Every structure is written in structure tokens, then in C-alpha cells.
Amino acid sequence: MPDLNAFKERLESTISIDLTAKELAERVVRAALECEYGRNFTLTPGFAKMVNTLADSIVAHPELRRQALAITSFLVKETSGQKDLT
């Protein structure tokens, strides 16, 4: 079972209001993979390409994009008092 608190902490430490939708999607993917498979997984060959491919898919799919932006918007709002990104 993934550690949701670790996922939240990773996202909170890497997201900000000035990121593009693609950058936010990349950070969501990276945080999810790190929590699921560990930090060493990020060092494997092809990891960056995999993150890029998954982020592109999230941004291209309207429902996935909405969900990713909602998650990051909530965390940005919660940590800095900013308005929603969506």
C-alpha cells in the first residue's frame, strides 16, 4: 500500500503556483513513483523518459489533467494560502 503521507510531503516540497500543467504532472508522477518504488528507482535508466511519457498522457487526457491539477491545487492552497489552480 502506498504511503499517502510521503506522497503528500514530496508533492508539497516540489510544487508551486508558477508551474505549468506539464511540470505539475511530472511532479505528481515522480512523487507517486518514488513513494511506490523508492528513491533508487528514480536513478534507473529511462526513468526521466517514463516520467515525461506519463506526464504527457496526463496532460493530454482531460479527466486525468483535471484530477492532477485538483490534487496539486489543493496542496498549494493548503500550504501557501493561494487560490485554486483549476
PDB file of N, CA and C in Angstrom:
ATOM      1  N   MET A   1       0.843  -1.179   0.000  1.00  0.00           N
ATOM      2  CA  MET A   1       0.000   0.000   0.000  1.00  0.00           C
ATOM      3  C   MET A   1       0.890   1.244   0.000  1.00  0.00           C
ATOM      4  N   PRO A   2       0.631   2.164  -0.909  1.00  0.00           N
ATOM      5  CA  PRO A   2       1.443   3.388  -0.978  1.00  0.00           C
ATOM      6  C   PRO A   2       1.285   4.244   0.282  1.00  0.00           C
ATOM      7  N   ASP A   3       2.339   4.933   0.633  1.00  0.00           N
ATOM      8  CA  ASP A   3       2.323   5.832   1.775  1.00  0.00           C
ATOM      9  C   ASP A   3       1.829   7.203   1.309  1.00  0.00           C
ATOM     10  N   LEU A   4       0.568   7.505   1.563  1.00  0.00           N
ATOM     11  CA  LEU A   4      -0.032   8.752   1.094  1.00  0.00           C
ATOM     12  C   LEU A   4       0.566   9.982   1.758  1.00  0.00           C
ATOM     13  N   ASN A   5       0.991   9.843   3.008  1.00  0.00           N
ATOM     14  CA  ASN A   5       1.626  10.979   3.676  1.00  0.00           C
ATOM     15  C   ASN A   5       2.966  11.315   3.026  1.00  0.00           C
ATOM     16  N   ALA A   6       3.726  10.302   2.661  1.00  0.00           N
ATOM     17  CA  ALA A   6       5.006  10.539   1.980  1.00  0.00           C
ATOM     18  C   ALA A   6       4.761  11.181   0.615  1.00  0.00           C
ATOM     19  N   PHE A   7       3.726  10.712  -0.089  1.00  0.00           N
ATOM     20  CA  PHE A   7       3.358  11.297  -1.381  1.00  0.00           C
ATOM     21  C   PHE A   7       3.019  12.776  -1.221  1.00  0.00           C
ATOM     22  N   LYS A   8       2.206  13.069  -0.234  1.00  0.00           N
ATOM     23  CA  LYS A   8       1.803  14.452   0.027  1.00  0.00           C
ATOM     24  C   LYS A   8       3.019  15.308   0.365  1.00  0.00           C
ATOM     25  N   GLU A   9       3.899  14.816   1.217  1.00  0.00           N
ATOM     26  CA  GLU A   9       5.097  15.569   1.603  1.00  0.00           C
ATOM     27  C   GLU A   9       5.999  15.835   0.409  1.00  0.00           C
ATOM     28  N   ARG A  10       6.175  14.826  -0.454  1.00  0.00           N
ATOM     29  CA  ARG A  10       7.016  15.021  -1.644  1.00  0.00           C
ATOM     30  C   ARG A  10       6.425  16.081  -2.565  1.00  0.00           C
ATOM     31  N   LEU A  11       5.123  16.002  -2.769  1.00  0.00           N
ATOM     32  CA  LEU A  11       4.479  16.996  -3.623  1.00  0.00           C
ATOM     33  C   LEU A  11       4.566  18.393  -3.021  1.00  0.00           C
ATOM     34  N   GLU A  12       4.275  18.494  -1.749  1.00  0.00           N
ATOM     35  CA  GLU A  12       4.310  19.806  -1.097  1.00  0.00           C
ATOM     36  C   GLU A  12       5.682  20.464  -1.210  1.00  0.00           C
ATOM     37  N   SER A  13       6.727  19.662  -1.191  1.00  0.00           N
ATOM     38  CA  SER A  13       8.080  20.222  -1.236  1.00  0.00           C
ATOM     39  C   SER A  13       8.529  20.579  -2.652  1.00  0.00           C
ATOM     40  N   THR A  14       7.790  20.146  -3.673  1.00  0.00           N
ATOM     41  CA  THR A  14       8.252  20.378  -5.046  1.00  0.00           C
ATOM     42  C   THR A  14       7.315  21.204  -5.914  1.00  0.00           C
ATOM     43  N   ILE A  15       6.100  21.478  -5.443  1.00  0.00           N
ATOM     44  CA  ILE A  15       5.160  22.216  -6.302  1.00  0.00           C
ATOM     45  C   ILE A  15       5.051  23.670  -5.870  1.00  0.00           C
ATOM     46  N   SER A  16       4.689  24.492  -6.843  1.00  0.00           N
ATOM     47  CA  SER A  16       4.425  25.904  -6.580  1.00  0.00           C
ATOM     48  C   SER A  16       3.405  26.399  -7.601  1.00  0.00           C
ATOM     49  N   ILE A  17       2.861  27.540  -7.348  1.00  0.00           N
ATOM     50  CA  ILE A  17       1.780  28.095  -8.162  1.00  0.00           C
ATOM     51  C   ILE A  17       2.240  28.451  -9.569  1.00  0.00           C
ATOM     52  N   ASP A  18       3.521  28.692  -9.774  1.00  0.00           N
ATOM     53  CA  ASP A  18       4.011  29.175 -11.064  1.00  0.00           C
ATOM     54  C   ASP A  18       4.397  28.060 -12.043  1.00  0.00           C
ATOM     55  N   LEU A  19       4.154  26.812 -11.706  1.00  0.00           N
ATOM     56  CA  LEU A  19       4.484  25.694 -12.598  1.00  0.00           C
ATOM     57  C   LEU A  19       3.407  25.503 -13.662  1.00  0.00           C
ATOM     58  N   THR A  20       3.835  25.011 -14.818  1.00  0.00           N
ATOM     59  CA  THR A  20       2.882  24.687 -15.880  1.00  0.00           C
ATOM     60  C   THR A  20       2.162  23.383 -15.549  1.00  0.00           C
ATOM     61  N   ALA A  21       1.090  23.097 -16.278  1.00  0.00           N
ATOM     62  CA  ALA A  21       0.355  21.843 -16.083  1.00  0.00           C
ATOM     63  C   ALA A  21       1.276  20.645 -16.311  1.00  0.00           C
ATOM     64  N   LYS A  22       2.137  20.724 -17.312  1.00  0.00           N
ATOM     65  CA  LYS A  22       3.069  19.628 -17.600  1.00  0.00           C
ATOM     66  C   LYS A  22       4.044  19.438 -16.437  1.00  0.00           C
ATOM     67  N   GLU A  23       4.575  20.522 -15.908  1.00  0.00           N
ATOM     68  CA  GLU A  23       5.514  20.422 -14.784  1.00  0.00           C
ATOM     69  C   GLU A  23       4.822  19.854 -13.541  1.00  0.00           C
ATOM     70  N   LEU A  24       3.591  20.258 -13.313  1.00  0.00           N
ATOM     71  CA  LEU A  24       2.830  19.709 -12.186  1.00  0.00           C
ATOM     72  C   LEU A  24       2.593  18.213 -12.368  1.00  0.00           C
ATOM     73  N   ALA A  25       2.231  17.808 -13.583  1.00  0.00           N
ATOM     74  CA  ALA A  25       2.011  16.384 -13.867  1.00  0.00           C
ATOM     75  C   ALA A  25       3.295  15.595 -13.649  1.00  0.00           C
ATOM     76  N   GLU A  26       4.429  16.144 -14.075  1.00  0.00           N
ATOM     77  CA  GLU A  26       5.717  15.468 -13.871  1.00  0.00           C
ATOM     78  C   GLU A  26       6.007  15.284 -12.387  1.00  0.00           C
ATOM     79  N   ARG A  27       5.710  16.278 -11.594  1.00  0.00           N
ATOM     80  CA  ARG A  27       5.965  16.187 -10.160  1.00  0.00           C
ATOM     81  C   ARG A  27       5.027  15.181  -9.483  1.00  0.00           C
ATOM     82  N   VAL A  28       3.788  15.110  -9.940  1.00  0.00           N
ATOM     83  CA  VAL A  28       2.858  14.116  -9.408  1.00  0.00           C
ATOM     84  C   VAL A  28       3.356  12.710  -9.736  1.00  0.00           C
ATOM     85  N   VAL A  29       3.759  12.502 -10.987  1.00  0.00           N
ATOM     86  CA  VAL A  29       4.254  11.182 -11.411  1.00  0.00           C
ATOM     87  C   VAL A  29       5.509  10.805 -10.629  1.00  0.00           C
ATOM     88  N   ARG A  30       6.457  11.720 -10.550  1.00  0.00           N
ATOM     89  CA  ARG A  30       7.710  11.447  -9.835  1.00  0.00           C
ATOM     90  C   ARG A  30       7.442  11.105  -8.368  1.00  0.00           C
ATOM     91  N   ALA A  31       6.580  11.882  -7.712  1.00  0.00           N
ATOM     92  CA  ALA A  31       6.265  11.623  -6.304  1.00  0.00           C
ATOM     93  C   ALA A  31       5.592  10.258  -6.133  1.00  0.00           C
ATOM     94  N   ALA A  32       4.670   9.936  -7.031  1.00  0.00           N
ATOM     95  CA  ALA A  32       3.976   8.642  -6.945  1.00  0.00           C
ATOM     96  C   ALA A  32       4.948   7.478  -7.133  1.00  0.00           C
ATOM     97  N   LEU A  33       5.825   7.592  -8.114  1.00  0.00           N
ATOM     98  CA  LEU A  33       6.779   6.508  -8.370  1.00  0.00           C
ATOM     99  C   LEU A  33       7.798   6.373  -7.244  1.00  0.00           C
ATOM    100  N   GLU A  34       8.257   7.488  -6.703  1.00  0.00           N
ATOM    101  CA  GLU A  34       9.194   7.433  -5.574  1.00  0.00           C
ATOM    102  C   GLU A  34       8.552   6.776  -4.363  1.00  0.00           C
ATOM    103  N   CYS A  35       7.305   7.106  -4.097  1.00  0.00           N
ATOM    104  CA  CYS A  35       6.619   6.523  -2.943  1.00  0.00           C
ATOM    105  C   CYS A  35       6.356   5.027  -3.137  1.00  0.00           C
ATOM    106  N   GLU A  36       6.028   4.662  -4.352  1.00  0.00           N
ATOM    107  CA  GLU A  36       5.706   3.265  -4.634  1.00  0.00           C
ATOM    108  C   GLU A  36       6.940   2.374  -4.733  1.00  0.00           C
ATOM    109  N   TYR A  37       7.991   2.861  -5.393  1.00  0.00           N
ATOM    110  CA  TYR A  37       9.146   2.015  -5.697  1.00  0.00           C
ATOM    111  C   TYR A  37      10.440   2.433  -5.017  1.00  0.00           C
ATOM    112  N   GLY A  38      10.463   3.569  -4.348  1.00  0.00           N
ATOM    113  CA  GLY A  38      11.656   4.021  -3.644  1.00  0.00           C
ATOM    114  C   GLY A  38      12.494   4.985  -4.472  1.00  0.00           C
ATOM    115  N   ARG A  39      13.324   5.720  -3.770  1.00  0.00           N
ATOM    116  CA  ARG A  39      14.168   6.747  -4.395  1.00  0.00           C
ATOM    117  C   ARG A  39      15.143   6.151  -5.411  1.00  0.00           C
ATOM    118  N   ASN A  40      15.652   4.968  -5.153  1.00  0.00           N
ATOM    119  CA  ASN A  40      16.604   4.349  -6.084  1.00  0.00           C
ATOM    120  C   ASN A  40      16.001   4.110  -7.463  1.00  0.00           C
ATOM    121  N   PHE A  41      14.690   3.919  -7.512  1.00  0.00           N
ATOM    122  CA  PHE A  41      14.023   3.692  -8.798  1.00  0.00           C
ATOM    123  C   PHE A  41      14.194   4.891  -9.722  1.00  0.00           C
ATOM    124  N   THR A  42      14.287   6.086  -9.138  1.00  0.00           N
ATOM    125  CA  THR A  42      14.439   7.301  -9.947  1.00  0.00           C
ATOM    126  C   THR A  42      15.792   7.360 -10.643  1.00  0.00           C
ATOM    127  N   LEU A  43      16.731   6.534 -10.210  1.00  0.00           N
ATOM    128  CA  LEU A  43      18.072   6.530 -10.787  1.00  0.00           C
ATOM    129  C   LEU A  43      18.222   5.526 -11.927  1.00  0.00           C
ATOM    130  N   THR A  44      17.192   4.744 -12.186  1.00  0.00           N
ATOM    131  CA  THR A  44      17.277   3.732 -13.238  1.00  0.00           C
ATOM    132  C   THR A  44      17.270   4.384 -14.620  1.00  0.00           C
ATOM    133  N   PRO A  45      17.945   3.744 -15.583  1.00  0.00           N
ATOM    134  CA  PRO A  45      17.948   4.287 -16.949  1.00  0.00           C
ATOM    135  C   PRO A  45      16.520   4.345 -17.500  1.00  0.00           C
ATOM    136  N   GLY A  46      16.199   5.420 -18.145  1.00  0.00           N
ATOM    137  CA  GLY A  46      14.883   5.562 -18.741  1.00  0.00           C
ATOM    138  C   GLY A  46      13.835   6.158 -17.821  1.00  0.00           C
ATOM    139  N   PHE A  47      14.195   6.428 -16.574  1.00  0.00           N
ATOM    140  CA  PHE A  47      13.213   6.964 -15.629  1.00  0.00           C
ATOM    141  C   PHE A  47      12.667   8.311 -16.097  1.00  0.00           C
ATOM    142  N   ALA A  48      13.540   9.202 -16.508  1.00  0.00           N
ATOM    143  CA  ALA A  48      13.103  10.533 -16.946  1.00  0.00           C
ATOM    144  C   ALA A  48      12.169  10.442 -18.147  1.00  0.00           C
ATOM    145  N   LYS A  49      12.476   9.534 -19.071  1.00  0.00           N
ATOM    146  CA  LYS A  49      11.620   9.361 -20.244  1.00  0.00           C
ATOM    147  C   LYS A  49      10.248   8.817 -19.832  1.00  0.00           C
ATOM    148  N   MET A  50      10.239   7.895 -18.881  1.00  0.00           N
ATOM    149  CA  MET A  50       8.986   7.334 -18.401  1.00  0.00           C
ATOM    150  C   MET A  50       8.137   8.423 -17.735  1.00  0.00           C
ATOM    151  N   VAL A  51       8.750   9.252 -16.897  1.00  0.00           N
ATOM    152  CA  VAL A  51       8.035  10.351 -16.248  1.00  0.00           C
ATOM    153  C   VAL A  51       7.462  11.289 -17.301  1.00  0.00           C
ATOM    154  N   ASN A  52       8.272  11.620 -18.303  1.00  0.00           N
ATOM    155  CA  ASN A  52       7.828  12.511 -19.377  1.00  0.00           C
ATOM    156  C   ASN A  52       6.636  11.924 -20.132  1.00  0.00           C
ATOM    157  N   THR A  53       6.701  10.645 -20.456  1.00  0.00           N
ATOM    158  CA  THR A  53       5.618   9.973 -21.177  1.00  0.00           C
ATOM    159  C   THR A  53       4.332   9.956 -20.357  1.00  0.00           C
ATOM    160  N   LEU A  54       4.442   9.619 -19.081  1.00  0.00           N
ATOM    161  CA  LEU A  54       3.264   9.591 -18.212  1.00  0.00           C
ATOM    162  C   LEU A  54       2.686  10.990 -18.014  1.00  0.00           C
ATOM    163  N   ALA A  55       3.549  11.984 -17.836  1.00  0.00           N
ATOM    164  CA  ALA A  55       3.073  13.362 -17.673  1.00  0.00           C
ATOM    165  C   ALA A  55       2.372  13.855 -18.938  1.00  0.00           C
ATOM    166  N   ASP A  56       2.943  13.528 -20.104  1.00  0.00           N
ATOM    167  CA  ASP A  56       2.288  13.901 -21.366  1.00  0.00           C
ATOM    168  C   ASP A  56       0.905  13.283 -21.463  1.00  0.00           C
ATOM    169  N   SER A  57       0.787  12.036 -21.038  1.00  0.00           N
ATOM    170  CA  SER A  57      -0.508  11.351 -21.081  1.00  0.00           C
ATOM    171  C   SER A  57      -1.516  12.008 -20.144  1.00  0.00           C
ATOM    172  N   ILE A  58      -1.066  12.391 -18.966  1.00  0.00           N
ATOM    173  CA  ILE A  58      -1.951  13.051 -18.002  1.00  0.00           C
ATOM    174  C   ILE A  58      -2.444  14.377 -18.560  1.00  0.00           C
ATOM    175  N   VAL A  59      -1.540  15.163 -19.114  1.00  0.00           N
ATOM    176  CA  VAL A  59      -1.897  16.482 -19.640  1.00  0.00           C
ATOM    177  C   VAL A  59      -2.823  16.364 -20.849  1.00  0.00           C
ATOM    178  N   ALA A  60      -2.636  15.337 -21.658  1.00  0.00           N
ATOM    179  CA  ALA A  60      -3.433  15.162 -22.874  1.00  0.00           C
ATOM    180  C   ALA A  60      -4.846  14.642 -22.591  1.00  0.00           C
ATOM    181  N   HIS A  61      -5.036  13.943 -21.488  1.00  0.00           N
ATOM    182  CA  HIS A  61      -6.336  13.359 -21.149  1.00  0.00           C
ATOM    183  C   HIS A  61      -7.082  14.321 -20.219  1.00  0.00           C
ATOM    184  N   PRO A  62      -8.208  14.876 -20.659  1.00  0.00           N
ATOM    185  CA  PRO A  62      -8.901  15.912 -19.874  1.00  0.00           C
ATOM    186  C   PRO A  62      -9.226  15.524 -18.429  1.00  0.00           C
ATOM    187  N   GLU A  63      -9.714  14.328 -18.205  1.00  0.00           N
ATOM    188  CA  GLU A  63     -10.091  13.935 -16.850  1.00  0.00           C
ATOM    189  C   GLU A  63      -8.857  13.744 -15.961  1.00  0.00           C
ATOM    190  N   LEU A  64      -7.812  13.114 -16.503  1.00  0.00           N
ATOM    191  CA  LEU A  64      -6.583  12.939 -15.718  1.00  0.00           C
ATOM    192  C   LEU A  64      -5.932  14.288 -15.422  1.00  0.00           C
ATOM    193  N   ARG A  65      -5.955  15.182 -16.404  1.00  0.00           N
ATOM    194  CA  ARG A  65      -5.404  16.522 -16.211  1.00  0.00           C
ATOM    195  C   ARG A  65      -6.159  17.243 -15.087  1.00  0.00           C
ATOM    196  N   ARG A  66      -7.483  17.171 -15.117  1.00  0.00           N
ATOM    197  CA  ARG A  66      -8.295  17.808 -14.087  1.00  0.00           C
ATOM    198  C   ARG A  66      -7.958  17.257 -12.704  1.00  0.00           C
ATOM    199  N   GLN A  67      -7.818  15.942 -12.598  1.00  0.00           N
ATOM    200  CA  GLN A  67      -7.515  15.317 -11.316  1.00  0.00           C
ATOM    201  C   GLN A  67      -6.127  15.722 -10.805  1.00  0.00           C
ATOM    202  N   ALA A  68      -5.139  15.711 -11.688  1.00  0.00           N
ATOM    203  CA  ALA A  68      -3.775  16.091 -11.288  1.00  0.00           C
ATOM    204  C   ALA A  68      -3.732  17.549 -10.841  1.00  0.00           C
ATOM    205  N   LEU A  69      -4.407  18.421 -11.593  1.00  0.00           N
ATOM    206  CA  LEU A  69      -4.423  19.832 -11.217  1.00  0.00           C
ATOM    207  C   LEU A  69      -5.197  20.056  -9.919  1.00  0.00           C
ATOM    208  N   ALA A  70      -6.233  19.275  -9.695  1.00  0.00           N
ATOM    209  CA  ALA A  70      -7.003  19.399  -8.457  1.00  0.00           C
ATOM    210  C   ALA A  70      -6.154  19.008  -7.246  1.00  0.00           C
ATOM    211  N   ILE A  71      -5.402  17.930  -7.373  1.00  0.00           N
ATOM    212  CA  ILE A  71      -4.527  17.488  -6.277  1.00  0.00           C
ATOM    213  C   ILE A  71      -3.488  18.550  -5.966  1.00  0.00           C
ATOM    214  N   THR A  72      -2.807  19.012  -6.998  1.00  0.00           N
ATOM    215  CA  THR A  72      -1.746  19.991  -6.775  1.00  0.00           C
ATOM    216  C   THR A  72      -2.323  21.326  -6.312  1.00  0.00           C
ATOM    217  N   SER A  73      -3.472  21.708  -6.837  1.00  0.00           N
ATOM    218  CA  SER A  73      -4.115  22.947  -6.417  1.00  0.00           C
ATOM    219  C   SER A  73      -4.459  22.891  -4.930  1.00  0.00           C
ATOM    220  N   PHE A  74      -4.990  21.778  -4.500  1.00  0.00           N
ATOM    221  CA  PHE A  74      -5.335  21.605  -3.087  1.00  0.00           C
ATOM    222  C   PHE A  74      -4.099  21.749  -2.208  1.00  0.00           C
ATOM    223  N   LEU A  75      -3.001  21.107  -2.608  1.00  0.00           N
ATOM    224  CA  LEU A  75      -1.785  21.162  -1.801  1.00  0.00           C
ATOM    225  C   LEU A  75      -1.162  22.555  -1.784  1.00  0.00           C
ATOM    226  N   VAL A  76      -1.162  23.225  -2.924  1.00  0.00           N
ATOM    227  CA  VAL A  76      -0.629  24.588  -2.962  1.00  0.00           C
ATOM    228  C   VAL A  76      -1.482  25.494  -2.079  1.00  0.00           C
ATOM    229  N   LYS A  77      -2.776  25.356  -2.203  1.00  0.00           N
ATOM    230  CA  LYS A  77      -3.701  26.172  -1.407  1.00  0.00           C
ATOM    231  C   LYS A  77      -3.514  25.890   0.084  1.00  0.00           C
ATOM    232  N   GLU A  78      -3.367  24.628   0.417  1.00  0.00           N
ATOM    233  CA  GLU A  78      -3.219  24.221   1.812  1.00  0.00           C
ATOM    234  C   GLU A  78      -1.912  24.732   2.420  1.00  0.00           C
ATOM    235  N   THR A  79      -0.831  24.692   1.648  1.00  0.00           N
ATOM    236  CA  THR A  79       0.471  25.060   2.200  1.00  0.00           C
ATOM    237  C   THR A  79       0.777  26.549   2.114  1.00  0.00           C
ATOM    238  N   SER A  80       0.176  27.251   1.149  1.00  0.00           N
ATOM    239  CA  SER A  80       0.560  28.659   0.996  1.00  0.00           C
ATOM    240  C   SER A  80      -0.608  29.634   0.993  1.00  0.00           C
ATOM    241  N   GLY A  81      -1.819  29.138   1.090  1.00  0.00           N
ATOM    242  CA  GLY A  81      -2.963  30.021   1.102  1.00  0.00           C
ATOM    243  C   GLY A  81      -3.306  30.614  -0.261  1.00  0.00           C
ATOM    244  N   GLN A  82      -2.745  30.069  -1.336  1.00  0.00           N
ATOM    245  CA  GLN A  82      -3.012  30.559  -2.688  1.00  0.00           C
ATOM    246  C   GLN A  82      -4.396  30.092  -3.156  1.00  0.00           C
ATOM    247  N   LYS A  83      -4.880  30.717  -4.228  1.00  0.00           N
ATOM    248  CA  LYS A  83      -6.142  30.308  -4.839  1.00  0.00           C
ATOM    249  C   LYS A  83      -5.941  29.042  -5.661  1.00  0.00           C
ATOM    250  N   ASP A  84      -7.051  28.361  -5.987  1.00  0.00           N
ATOM    251  CA  ASP A  84      -7.015  27.150  -6.785  1.00  0.00           C
ATOM    252  C   ASP A  84      -6.331  27.365  -8.121  1.00  0.00           C
ATOM    253  N   LEU A  85      -5.637  26.327  -8.623  1.00  0.00           N
ATOM    254  CA  LEU A  85      -5.014  26.349  -9.933  1.00  0.00           C
ATOM    255  C   LEU A  85      -6.014  25.970 -11.010  1.00  0.00           C
ATOM    256  N   THR A  86      -7.091  25.284 -10.641  1.00  0.00           N
ATOM    257  CA  THR A  86      -8.064  24.805 -11.627  1.00  0.00           C
ATOM    258  C   THR A  86      -9.111  25.843 -11.915  1.00  0.00           C
TER     259      THR A  86
END
